[in-house]
Amino acid sequence: MIKKGYDLTPEAISVKAAKASRDIASDYKYKEGYRK
């Protein structure tokens, strides 16, 4: 499996879940409404 390589698309469920978790924990996103 290492010899074949690993292809992860941006639309994968794991990638989307990681992005959503990062946005929730992001202080920038948390204070975005206040700055507006």
Full PDB file with SEQRES, HELIX, SHEET, SSBOND, CRYST1, ORIGX, SCALE, CONECT and MASTER records, all heavy atoms in Angstrom:
SEQRES   1 A   36  MET ILE LYS LYS GLY TYR ASP LEU THR PRO GLU ALA ILE          
SEQRES   2 A   36  SER VAL LYS ALA ALA LYS ALA SER ARG ASP ILE ALA SER          
SEQRES   3 A   36  ASP TYR LYS TYR LYS GLU GLY TYR ARG LYS                      
HELIX    1 AA1 ILE A   13  ALA A   25  1                                  13    
HELIX    2 AA2 ASP A   27  TYR A   30  1                                   4    
HELIX    3 AA3 GLU A   32  ARG A   35  1                                   4    
CRYST1    1.000    1.000    1.000  90.00  90.00  90.00 P 1           1          
ORIGX1      1.000000  0.000000  0.000000        0.00000                         
ORIGX2      0.000000  1.000000  0.000000        0.00000                         
ORIGX3      0.000000  0.000000  1.000000        0.00000                         
SCALE1      1.000000  0.000000  0.000000        0.00000                         
SCALE2      0.000000  1.000000  0.000000        0.00000                         
SCALE3      0.000000  0.000000  1.000000        0.00000                         
ATOM      1  N   MET A   1       0.825  -1.200   0.000  1.00  0.00           N  
ATOM      2  CA  MET A   1       0.000   0.000   0.000  1.00  0.00           C  
ATOM      3  C   MET A   1       0.866   1.259   0.000  1.00  0.00           C  
ATOM      4  O   MET A   1       0.527   2.271  -0.620  1.00  0.00           O  
ATOM      5  CB  MET A   1      -0.926  -0.006   1.224  1.00  0.00           C  
ATOM      6  CG  MET A   1      -1.953   1.128   1.231  1.00  0.00           C  
ATOM      7  SD  MET A   1      -3.210   0.918   2.499  1.00  0.00           S  
ATOM      8  CE  MET A   1      -2.206   0.724   3.956  1.00  0.00           C  
ATOM      9  N   ILE A   2       2.034   1.196   0.637  1.00  0.00           N  
ATOM     10  CA  ILE A   2       2.954   2.336   0.616  1.00  0.00           C  
ATOM     11  C   ILE A   2       3.509   2.544  -0.785  1.00  0.00           C  
ATOM     12  O   ILE A   2       3.674   3.688  -1.255  1.00  0.00           O  
ATOM     13  CB  ILE A   2       4.079   2.119   1.653  1.00  0.00           C  
ATOM     14  CG1 ILE A   2       3.510   2.185   3.074  1.00  0.00           C  
ATOM     15  CG2 ILE A   2       5.195   3.128   1.489  1.00  0.00           C  
ATOM     16  CD1 ILE A   2       4.520   1.867   4.141  1.00  0.00           C  
ATOM     17  N   LYS A   3       3.808   1.457  -1.448  1.00  0.00           N  
ATOM     18  CA  LYS A   3       4.334   1.565  -2.819  1.00  0.00           C  
ATOM     19  C   LYS A   3       3.314   2.182  -3.773  1.00  0.00           C  
ATOM     20  O   LYS A   3       3.674   2.931  -4.674  1.00  0.00           O  
ATOM     21  CB  LYS A   3       4.746   0.184  -3.333  1.00  0.00           C  
ATOM     22  CG  LYS A   3       5.957  -0.397  -2.614  1.00  0.00           C  
ATOM     23  CD  LYS A   3       6.272  -1.801  -3.126  1.00  0.00           C  
ATOM     24  CE  LYS A   3       7.449  -2.420  -2.372  1.00  0.00           C  
ATOM     25  NZ  LYS A   3       7.746  -3.789  -2.820  1.00  0.00           N  
ATOM     26  N   LYS A   4       2.006   1.881  -3.555  1.00  0.00           N  
ATOM     27  CA  LYS A   4       0.984   2.452  -4.430  1.00  0.00           C  
ATOM     28  C   LYS A   4       0.777   3.940  -4.180  1.00  0.00           C  
ATOM     29  O   LYS A   4       0.327   4.668  -5.055  1.00  0.00           O  
ATOM     30  CB  LYS A   4      -0.335   1.715  -4.215  1.00  0.00           C  
ATOM     31  CG  LYS A   4      -0.317   0.275  -4.713  1.00  0.00           C  
ATOM     32  CD  LYS A   4      -1.666  -0.392  -4.455  1.00  0.00           C  
ATOM     33  CE  LYS A   4      -1.661  -1.836  -4.929  1.00  0.00           C  
ATOM     34  NZ  LYS A   4      -2.947  -2.504  -4.673  1.00  0.00           N  
ATOM     35  N   GLY A   5       1.042   4.443  -2.936  1.00  0.00           N  
ATOM     36  CA  GLY A   5       0.815   5.850  -2.613  1.00  0.00           C  
ATOM     37  C   GLY A   5      -0.580   6.045  -2.011  1.00  0.00           C  
ATOM     38  O   GLY A   5      -1.398   5.125  -1.943  1.00  0.00           O  
ATOM     39  N   TYR A   6      -0.843   7.279  -1.560  1.00  0.00           N  
ATOM     40  CA  TYR A   6      -2.111   7.590  -0.890  1.00  0.00           C  
ATOM     41  C   TYR A   6      -2.672   8.870  -1.503  1.00  0.00           C  
ATOM     42  O   TYR A   6      -2.007   9.910  -1.514  1.00  0.00           O  
ATOM     43  CB  TYR A   6      -1.875   7.790   0.614  1.00  0.00           C  
ATOM     44  CG  TYR A   6      -3.147   8.035   1.389  1.00  0.00           C  
ATOM     45  CD1 TYR A   6      -4.054   7.005   1.594  1.00  0.00           C  
ATOM     46  CD2 TYR A   6      -3.445   9.296   1.873  1.00  0.00           C  
ATOM     47  CE1 TYR A   6      -5.222   7.222   2.306  1.00  0.00           C  
ATOM     48  CE2 TYR A   6      -4.611   9.527   2.579  1.00  0.00           C  
ATOM     49  CZ  TYR A   6      -5.500   8.478   2.800  1.00  0.00           C  
ATOM     50  OH  TYR A   6      -6.653   8.702   3.489  1.00  0.00           O  
ATOM     51  N   ASP A   7      -3.889   8.806  -2.018  1.00  0.00           N  
ATOM     52  CA  ASP A   7      -4.536   9.938  -2.693  1.00  0.00           C  
ATOM     53  C   ASP A   7      -5.747  10.357  -1.855  1.00  0.00           C  
ATOM     54  O   ASP A   7      -6.701   9.577  -1.687  1.00  0.00           O  
ATOM     55  CB  ASP A   7      -4.959   9.529  -4.108  1.00  0.00           C  
ATOM     56  CG  ASP A   7      -5.527  10.714  -4.881  1.00  0.00           C  
ATOM     57  OD1 ASP A   7      -5.289  11.864  -4.428  1.00  0.00           O  
ATOM     58  OD2 ASP A   7      -6.208  10.489  -5.892  1.00  0.00           O  
ATOM     59  N   LEU A   8      -5.717  11.586  -1.283  1.00  0.00           N  
ATOM     60  CA  LEU A   8      -6.795  12.099  -0.438  1.00  0.00           C  
ATOM     61  C   LEU A   8      -7.387  13.333  -1.126  1.00  0.00           C  
ATOM     62  O   LEU A   8      -6.723  14.363  -1.270  1.00  0.00           O  
ATOM     63  CB  LEU A   8      -6.265  12.476   0.942  1.00  0.00           C  
ATOM     64  CG  LEU A   8      -7.316  12.933   1.957  1.00  0.00           C  
ATOM     65  CD1 LEU A   8      -8.299  11.789   2.257  1.00  0.00           C  
ATOM     66  CD2 LEU A   8      -6.643  13.392   3.246  1.00  0.00           C  
ATOM     67  N   THR A   9      -8.651  13.253  -1.512  1.00  0.00           N  
ATOM     68  CA  THR A   9      -9.309  14.362  -2.201  1.00  0.00           C  
ATOM     69  C   THR A   9      -9.800  15.397  -1.196  1.00  0.00           C  
ATOM     70  O   THR A   9     -10.083  15.069  -0.037  1.00  0.00           O  
ATOM     71  CB  THR A   9     -10.494  13.823  -3.023  1.00  0.00           C  
ATOM     72  OG1 THR A   9     -11.404  13.171  -2.141  1.00  0.00           O  
ATOM     73  CG2 THR A   9     -10.013  12.809  -4.063  1.00  0.00           C  
ATOM     74  N   PRO A  10      -9.930  16.661  -1.575  1.00  0.00           N  
ATOM     75  CA  PRO A  10     -10.425  17.697  -0.643  1.00  0.00           C  
ATOM     76  C   PRO A  10     -11.867  17.482  -0.237  1.00  0.00           C  
ATOM     77  O   PRO A  10     -12.310  18.016   0.783  1.00  0.00           O  
ATOM     78  CB  PRO A  10     -10.275  18.993  -1.451  1.00  0.00           C  
ATOM     79  CG  PRO A  10      -9.280  18.694  -2.516  1.00  0.00           C  
ATOM     80  CD  PRO A  10      -9.452  17.241  -2.850  1.00  0.00           C  
ATOM     81  N   GLU A  11     -12.629  16.717  -1.009  1.00  0.00           N  
ATOM     82  CA  GLU A  11     -14.026  16.476  -0.671  1.00  0.00           C  
ATOM     83  C   GLU A  11     -14.211  15.278   0.249  1.00  0.00           C  
ATOM     84  O   GLU A  11     -15.364  14.855   0.510  1.00  0.00           O  
ATOM     85  CB  GLU A  11     -14.850  16.266  -1.952  1.00  0.00           C  
ATOM     86  CG  GLU A  11     -15.006  17.481  -2.832  1.00  0.00           C  
ATOM     87  CD  GLU A  11     -13.767  17.734  -3.694  1.00  0.00           C  
ATOM     88  OE1 GLU A  11     -12.886  16.831  -3.719  1.00  0.00           O  
ATOM     89  OE2 GLU A  11     -13.687  18.803  -4.314  1.00  0.00           O  
ATOM     90  N   ALA A  12     -13.142  14.717   0.738  1.00  0.00           N  
ATOM     91  CA  ALA A  12     -13.261  13.560   1.619  1.00  0.00           C  
ATOM     92  C   ALA A  12     -13.916  13.977   2.941  1.00  0.00           C  
ATOM     93  O   ALA A  12     -13.803  15.124   3.394  1.00  0.00           O  
ATOM     94  CB  ALA A  12     -11.889  12.935   1.875  1.00  0.00           C  
ATOM     95  N   ILE A  13     -14.627  13.033   3.546  1.00  0.00           N  
ATOM     96  CA  ILE A  13     -15.358  13.326   4.797  1.00  0.00           C  
ATOM     97  C   ILE A  13     -14.389  13.689   5.913  1.00  0.00           C  
ATOM     98  O   ILE A  13     -14.637  14.611   6.703  1.00  0.00           O  
ATOM     99  CB  ILE A  13     -16.238  12.125   5.172  1.00  0.00           C  
ATOM    100  CG1 ILE A  13     -17.276  11.860   4.070  1.00  0.00           C  
ATOM    101  CG2 ILE A  13     -16.914  12.347   6.522  1.00  0.00           C  
ATOM    102  CD1 ILE A  13     -18.124  10.635   4.323  1.00  0.00           C  
ATOM    103  N   SER A  14     -13.285  12.987   5.979  1.00  0.00           N  
ATOM    104  CA  SER A  14     -12.328  13.261   7.052  1.00  0.00           C  
ATOM    105  C   SER A  14     -11.722  14.652   6.918  1.00  0.00           C  
ATOM    106  O   SER A  14     -11.497  15.349   7.923  1.00  0.00           O  
ATOM    107  CB  SER A  14     -11.230  12.197   7.047  1.00  0.00           C  
ATOM    108  OG  SER A  14     -10.582  12.166   5.786  1.00  0.00           O  
ATOM    109  N   VAL A  15     -11.494  15.081   5.686  1.00  0.00           N  
ATOM    110  CA  VAL A  15     -10.921  16.411   5.459  1.00  0.00           C  
ATOM    111  C   VAL A  15     -11.934  17.494   5.841  1.00  0.00           C  
ATOM    112  O   VAL A  15     -11.594  18.502   6.479  1.00  0.00           O  
ATOM    113  CB  VAL A  15     -10.486  16.550   3.989  1.00  0.00           C  
ATOM    114  CG1 VAL A  15      -9.994  17.982   3.708  1.00  0.00           C  
ATOM    115  CG2 VAL A  15      -9.384  15.561   3.660  1.00  0.00           C  
ATOM    116  N   LYS A  16     -13.187  17.303   5.446  1.00  0.00           N  
ATOM    117  CA  LYS A  16     -14.217  18.275   5.795  1.00  0.00           C  
ATOM    118  C   LYS A  16     -14.428  18.344   7.315  1.00  0.00           C  
ATOM    119  O   LYS A  16     -14.609  19.431   7.877  1.00  0.00           O  
ATOM    120  CB  LYS A  16     -15.531  17.904   5.097  1.00  0.00           C  
ATOM    121  CG  LYS A  16     -15.482  18.100   3.586  1.00  0.00           C  
ATOM    122  CD  LYS A  16     -16.833  17.818   2.967  1.00  0.00           C  
ATOM    123  CE  LYS A  16     -16.815  18.063   1.465  1.00  0.00           C  
ATOM    124  NZ  LYS A  16     -18.131  17.812   0.837  1.00  0.00           N  
ATOM    125  N   ALA A  17     -14.394  17.199   7.999  1.00  0.00           N  
ATOM    126  CA  ALA A  17     -14.550  17.189   9.456  1.00  0.00           C  
ATOM    127  C   ALA A  17     -13.394  17.906  10.135  1.00  0.00           C  
ATOM    128  O   ALA A  17     -13.581  18.664  11.107  1.00  0.00           O  
ATOM    129  CB  ALA A  17     -14.653  15.753   9.963  1.00  0.00           C  
ATOM    130  N   ALA A  18     -12.189  17.732   9.619  1.00  0.00           N  
ATOM    131  CA  ALA A  18     -11.030  18.409  10.197  1.00  0.00           C  
ATOM    132  C   ALA A  18     -11.129  19.925   9.998  1.00  0.00           C  
ATOM    133  O   ALA A  18     -10.805  20.710  10.903  1.00  0.00           O  
ATOM    134  CB  ALA A  18      -9.746  17.871   9.560  1.00  0.00           C  
ATOM    135  N   LYS A  19     -11.606  20.350   8.811  1.00  0.00           N  
ATOM    136  CA  LYS A  19     -11.765  21.787   8.568  1.00  0.00           C  
ATOM    137  C   LYS A  19     -12.827  22.391   9.486  1.00  0.00           C  
ATOM    138  O   LYS A  19     -12.649  23.499  10.015  1.00  0.00           O  
ATOM    139  CB  LYS A  19     -12.140  22.019   7.095  1.00  0.00           C  
ATOM    140  CG  LYS A  19     -10.993  21.814   6.118  1.00  0.00           C  
ATOM    141  CD  LYS A  19     -11.436  22.115   4.694  1.00  0.00           C  
ATOM    142  CE  LYS A  19     -10.286  21.951   3.711  1.00  0.00           C  
ATOM    143  NZ  LYS A  19     -10.706  22.267   2.314  1.00  0.00           N  
ATOM    144  N   ALA A  20     -13.942  21.674   9.663  1.00  0.00           N  
ATOM    145  CA  ALA A  20     -14.999  22.178  10.533  1.00  0.00           C  
ATOM    146  C   ALA A  20     -14.520  22.288  11.991  1.00  0.00           C  
ATOM    147  O   ALA A  20     -14.794  23.276  12.686  1.00  0.00           O  
ATOM    148  CB  ALA A  20     -16.223  21.268  10.451  1.00  0.00           C  
ATOM    149  N   SER A  21     -13.783  21.321  12.460  1.00  0.00           N  
ATOM    150  CA  SER A  21     -13.233  21.374  13.819  1.00  0.00           C  
ATOM    151  C   SER A  21     -12.260  22.531  13.972  1.00  0.00           C  
ATOM    152  O   SER A  21     -12.218  23.199  15.014  1.00  0.00           O  
ATOM    153  CB  SER A  21     -12.538  20.053  14.152  1.00  0.00           C  
ATOM    154  OG  SER A  21     -13.446  18.972  14.069  1.00  0.00           O  
ATOM    155  N   ARG A  22     -11.471  22.775  12.938  1.00  0.00           N  
ATOM    156  CA  ARG A  22     -10.512  23.891  13.006  1.00  0.00           C  
ATOM    157  C   ARG A  22     -11.242  25.223  13.059  1.00  0.00           C  
ATOM    158  O   ARG A  22     -10.839  26.132  13.808  1.00  0.00           O  
ATOM    159  CB  ARG A  22      -9.595  23.843  11.786  1.00  0.00           C  
ATOM    160  CG  ARG A  22      -8.510  24.918  11.779  1.00  0.00           C  
ATOM    161  CD  ARG A  22      -7.846  24.969  10.431  1.00  0.00           C  
ATOM    162  NE  ARG A  22      -8.822  25.334   9.414  1.00  0.00           N  
ATOM    163  CZ  ARG A  22      -8.557  25.311   8.093  1.00  0.00           C  
ATOM    164  NH1 ARG A  22      -7.371  24.920   7.654  1.00  0.00           N  
ATOM    165  NH2 ARG A  22      -9.482  25.664   7.226  1.00  0.00           N  
ATOM    166  N   ASP A  23     -12.332  25.362  12.275  1.00  0.00           N  
ATOM    167  CA  ASP A  23     -13.084  26.624  12.303  1.00  0.00           C  
ATOM    168  C   ASP A  23     -13.752  26.859  13.660  1.00  0.00           C  
ATOM    169  O   ASP A  23     -13.847  27.992  14.136  1.00  0.00           O  
ATOM    170  CB  ASP A  23     -14.150  26.616  11.197  1.00  0.00           C  
ATOM    171  CG  ASP A  23     -13.521  26.613   9.805  1.00  0.00           C  
ATOM    172  OD1 ASP A  23     -12.338  27.023   9.701  1.00  0.00           O  
ATOM    173  OD2 ASP A  23     -14.195  26.201   8.844  1.00  0.00           O  
ATOM    174  N   ILE A  24     -14.237  25.774  14.266  1.00  0.00           N  
ATOM    175  CA  ILE A  24     -14.867  25.915  15.578  1.00  0.00           C  
ATOM    176  C   ILE A  24     -13.853  26.353  16.631  1.00  0.00           C  
ATOM    177  O   ILE A  24     -14.124  27.207  17.470  1.00  0.00           O  
ATOM    178  CB  ILE A  24     -15.540  24.584  15.975  1.00  0.00           C  
ATOM    179  CG1 ILE A  24     -16.734  24.305  15.056  1.00  0.00           C  
ATOM    180  CG2 ILE A  24     -15.995  24.603  17.436  1.00  0.00           C  
ATOM    181  CD1 ILE A  24     -17.334  22.933  15.233  1.00  0.00           C  
ATOM    182  N   ALA A  25     -12.675  25.775  16.572  1.00  0.00           N  
ATOM    183  CA  ALA A  25     -11.641  26.106  17.557  1.00  0.00           C  
ATOM    184  C   ALA A  25     -10.871  27.368  17.206  1.00  0.00           C  
ATOM    185  O   ALA A  25     -10.066  27.849  18.003  1.00  0.00           O  
ATOM    186  CB  ALA A  25     -10.663  24.936  17.687  1.00  0.00           C  
ATOM    187  N   SER A  26     -11.128  27.939  16.065  1.00  0.00           N  
ATOM    188  CA  SER A  26     -10.358  29.112  15.636  1.00  0.00           C  
ATOM    189  C   SER A  26     -10.821  30.362  16.383  1.00  0.00           C  
ATOM    190  O   SER A  26     -12.006  30.674  16.446  1.00  0.00           O  
ATOM    191  CB  SER A  26     -10.514  29.314  14.132  1.00  0.00           C  
ATOM    192  OG  SER A  26      -9.872  30.510  13.727  1.00  0.00           O  
ATOM    193  N   ASP A  27      -9.885  31.117  16.963  1.00  0.00           N  
ATOM    194  CA  ASP A  27     -10.211  32.356  17.661  1.00  0.00           C  
ATOM    195  C   ASP A  27     -10.595  33.449  16.660  1.00  0.00           C  
ATOM    196  O   ASP A  27     -11.386  34.347  16.984  1.00  0.00           O  
ATOM    197  CB  ASP A  27      -8.990  32.790  18.492  1.00  0.00           C  
ATOM    198  CG  ASP A  27      -9.309  33.971  19.394  1.00  0.00           C  
ATOM    199  OD1 ASP A  27     -10.108  33.790  20.336  1.00  0.00           O  
ATOM    200  OD2 ASP A  27      -8.758  35.066  19.149  1.00  0.00           O  
ATOM    201  N   TYR A  28     -10.070  33.361  15.506  1.00  0.00           N  
ATOM    202  CA  TYR A  28     -10.394  34.355  14.470  1.00  0.00           C  
ATOM    203  C   TYR A  28     -11.867  34.250  14.079  1.00  0.00           C  
ATOM    204  O   TYR A  28     -12.578  35.261  13.992  1.00  0.00           O  
ATOM    205  CB  TYR A  28      -9.489  34.139  13.259  1.00  0.00           C  
ATOM    206  CG  TYR A  28      -9.785  35.083  12.102  1.00  0.00           C  
ATOM    207  CD1 TYR A  28      -9.319  36.401  12.105  1.00  0.00           C  
ATOM    208  CD2 TYR A  28     -10.548  34.642  11.014  1.00  0.00           C  
ATOM    209  CE1 TYR A  28      -9.608  37.255  11.052  1.00  0.00           C  
ATOM    210  CE2 TYR A  28     -10.833  35.494   9.955  1.00  0.00           C  
ATOM    211  CZ  TYR A  28     -10.354  36.801   9.984  1.00  0.00           C  
ATOM    212  OH  TYR A  28     -10.637  37.639   8.946  1.00  0.00           O  
ATOM    213  N   LYS A  29     -12.345  33.021  13.858  1.00  0.00           N  
ATOM    214  CA  LYS A  29     -13.742  32.831  13.516  1.00  0.00           C  
ATOM    215  C   LYS A  29     -14.653  33.196  14.697  1.00  0.00           C  
ATOM    216  O   LYS A  29     -15.759  33.681  14.507  1.00  0.00           O  
ATOM    217  CB  LYS A  29     -13.973  31.362  13.123  1.00  0.00           C  
ATOM    218  CG  LYS A  29     -13.330  30.961  11.803  1.00  0.00           C  
ATOM    219  CD  LYS A  29     -14.097  31.539  10.633  1.00  0.00           C  
ATOM    220  CE  LYS A  29     -13.546  31.031   9.303  1.00  0.00           C  
ATOM    221  NZ  LYS A  29     -14.276  31.619   8.165  1.00  0.00           N  
ATOM    222  N   TYR A  30     -14.138  32.977  15.905  1.00  0.00           N  
ATOM    223  CA  TYR A  30     -14.938  33.255  17.091  1.00  0.00           C  
ATOM    224  C   TYR A  30     -15.199  34.759  17.229  1.00  0.00           C  
ATOM    225  O   TYR A  30     -16.283  35.191  17.636  1.00  0.00           O  
ATOM    226  CB  TYR A  30     -14.200  32.723  18.329  1.00  0.00           C  
ATOM    227  CG  TYR A  30     -14.905  32.989  19.626  1.00  0.00           C  
ATOM    228  CD1 TYR A  30     -16.071  32.302  19.967  1.00  0.00           C  
ATOM    229  CD2 TYR A  30     -14.419  33.942  20.508  1.00  0.00           C  
ATOM    230  CE1 TYR A  30     -16.725  32.553  21.145  1.00  0.00           C  
ATOM    231  CE2 TYR A  30     -15.073  34.209  21.699  1.00  0.00           C  
ATOM    232  CZ  TYR A  30     -16.222  33.512  22.018  1.00  0.00           C  
ATOM    233  OH  TYR A  30     -16.870  33.775  23.201  1.00  0.00           O  
ATOM    234  N   LYS A  31     -14.212  35.590  16.865  1.00  0.00           N  
ATOM    235  CA  LYS A  31     -14.323  37.045  17.009  1.00  0.00           C  
ATOM    236  C   LYS A  31     -14.694  37.745  15.704  1.00  0.00           C  
ATOM    237  O   LYS A  31     -14.632  38.975  15.632  1.00  0.00           O  
ATOM    238  CB  LYS A  31     -13.017  37.618  17.534  1.00  0.00           C  
ATOM    239  CG  LYS A  31     -12.652  37.132  18.921  1.00  0.00           C  
ATOM    240  CD  LYS A  31     -11.366  37.756  19.401  1.00  0.00           C  
ATOM    241  CE  LYS A  31     -11.018  37.287  20.811  1.00  0.00           C  
ATOM    242  NZ  LYS A  31      -9.757  37.866  21.300  1.00  0.00           N  
ATOM    243  N   GLU A  32     -15.055  36.976  14.696  1.00  0.00           N  
ATOM    244  CA  GLU A  32     -15.359  37.580  13.396  1.00  0.00           C  
ATOM    245  C   GLU A  32     -16.623  38.442  13.469  1.00  0.00           C  
ATOM    246  O   GLU A  32     -16.679  39.558  12.966  1.00  0.00           O  
ATOM    247  CB  GLU A  32     -15.525  36.479  12.355  1.00  0.00           C  
ATOM    248  CG  GLU A  32     -15.746  37.016  10.944  1.00  0.00           C  
ATOM    249  CD  GLU A  32     -15.834  35.898   9.915  1.00  0.00           C  
ATOM    250  OE1 GLU A  32     -15.761  34.711  10.325  1.00  0.00           O  
ATOM    251  OE2 GLU A  32     -15.980  36.211   8.725  1.00  0.00           O  
ATOM    252  N   GLY A  33     -17.665  37.930  14.128  1.00  0.00           N  
ATOM    253  CA  GLY A  33     -18.904  38.700  14.254  1.00  0.00           C  
ATOM    254  C   GLY A  33     -18.694  39.970  15.068  1.00  0.00           C  
ATOM    255  O   GLY A  33     -19.284  41.019  14.769  1.00  0.00           O  
ATOM    256  N   TYR A  34     -17.848  39.902  16.103  1.00  0.00           N  
ATOM    257  CA  TYR A  34     -17.583  41.087  16.928  1.00  0.00           C  
ATOM    258  C   TYR A  34     -16.857  42.169  16.108  1.00  0.00           C  
ATOM    259  O   TYR A  34     -17.170  43.357  16.227  1.00  0.00           O  
ATOM    260  CB  TYR A  34     -16.754  40.680  18.143  1.00  0.00           C  
ATOM    261  CG  TYR A  34     -16.211  41.836  18.933  1.00  0.00           C  
ATOM    262  CD1 TYR A  34     -17.052  42.633  19.705  1.00  0.00           C  
ATOM    263  CD2 TYR A  34     -14.856  42.141  18.890  1.00  0.00           C  
ATOM    264  CE1 TYR A  34     -16.559  43.697  20.422  1.00  0.00           C  
ATOM    265  CE2 TYR A  34     -14.348  43.207  19.603  1.00  0.00           C  
ATOM    266  CZ  TYR A  34     -15.200  43.983  20.366  1.00  0.00           C  
ATOM    267  OH  TYR A  34     -14.705  45.039  21.078  1.00  0.00           O  
ATOM    268  N   ARG A  35     -15.923  41.742  15.272  1.00  0.00           N  
ATOM    269  CA  ARG A  35     -15.187  42.726  14.452  1.00  0.00           C  
ATOM    270  C   ARG A  35     -16.083  43.362  13.394  1.00  0.00           C  
ATOM    271  O   ARG A  35     -15.912  44.533  13.042  1.00  0.00           O  
ATOM    272  CB  ARG A  35     -13.996  42.033  13.795  1.00  0.00           C  
ATOM    273  CG  ARG A  35     -12.836  41.776  14.748  1.00  0.00           C  
ATOM    274  CD  ARG A  35     -11.584  41.405  13.973  1.00  0.00           C  
ATOM    275  NE  ARG A  35     -11.769  40.123  13.300  1.00  0.00           N  
ATOM    276  CZ  ARG A  35     -11.463  38.952  13.841  1.00  0.00           C  
ATOM    277  NH1 ARG A  35     -10.983  38.900  15.066  1.00  0.00           N  
ATOM    278  NH2 ARG A  35     -11.652  37.831  13.172  1.00  0.00           N  
ATOM    279  N   LYS A  36     -17.068  42.602  12.937  1.00  0.00           N  
ATOM    280  CA  LYS A  36     -17.988  43.177  11.955  1.00  0.00           C  
ATOM    281  C   LYS A  36     -18.871  44.256  12.587  1.00  0.00           C  
ATOM    282  O   LYS A  36     -19.247  45.218  11.903  1.00  0.00           O  
ATOM    283  CB  LYS A  36     -18.863  42.088  11.351  1.00  0.00           C  
ATOM    284  CG  LYS A  36     -18.111  41.163  10.394  1.00  0.00           C  
ATOM    285  CD  LYS A  36     -19.048  40.121   9.817  1.00  0.00           C  
ATOM    286  CE  LYS A  36     -18.314  39.212   8.832  1.00  0.00           C  
ATOM    287  NZ  LYS A  36     -19.217  38.179   8.255  1.00  0.00           N  
TER     288      LYS A  36                                                      
MASTER        0    0    0    3    0    0    0    6  287    1    0    3          
END                                                                             
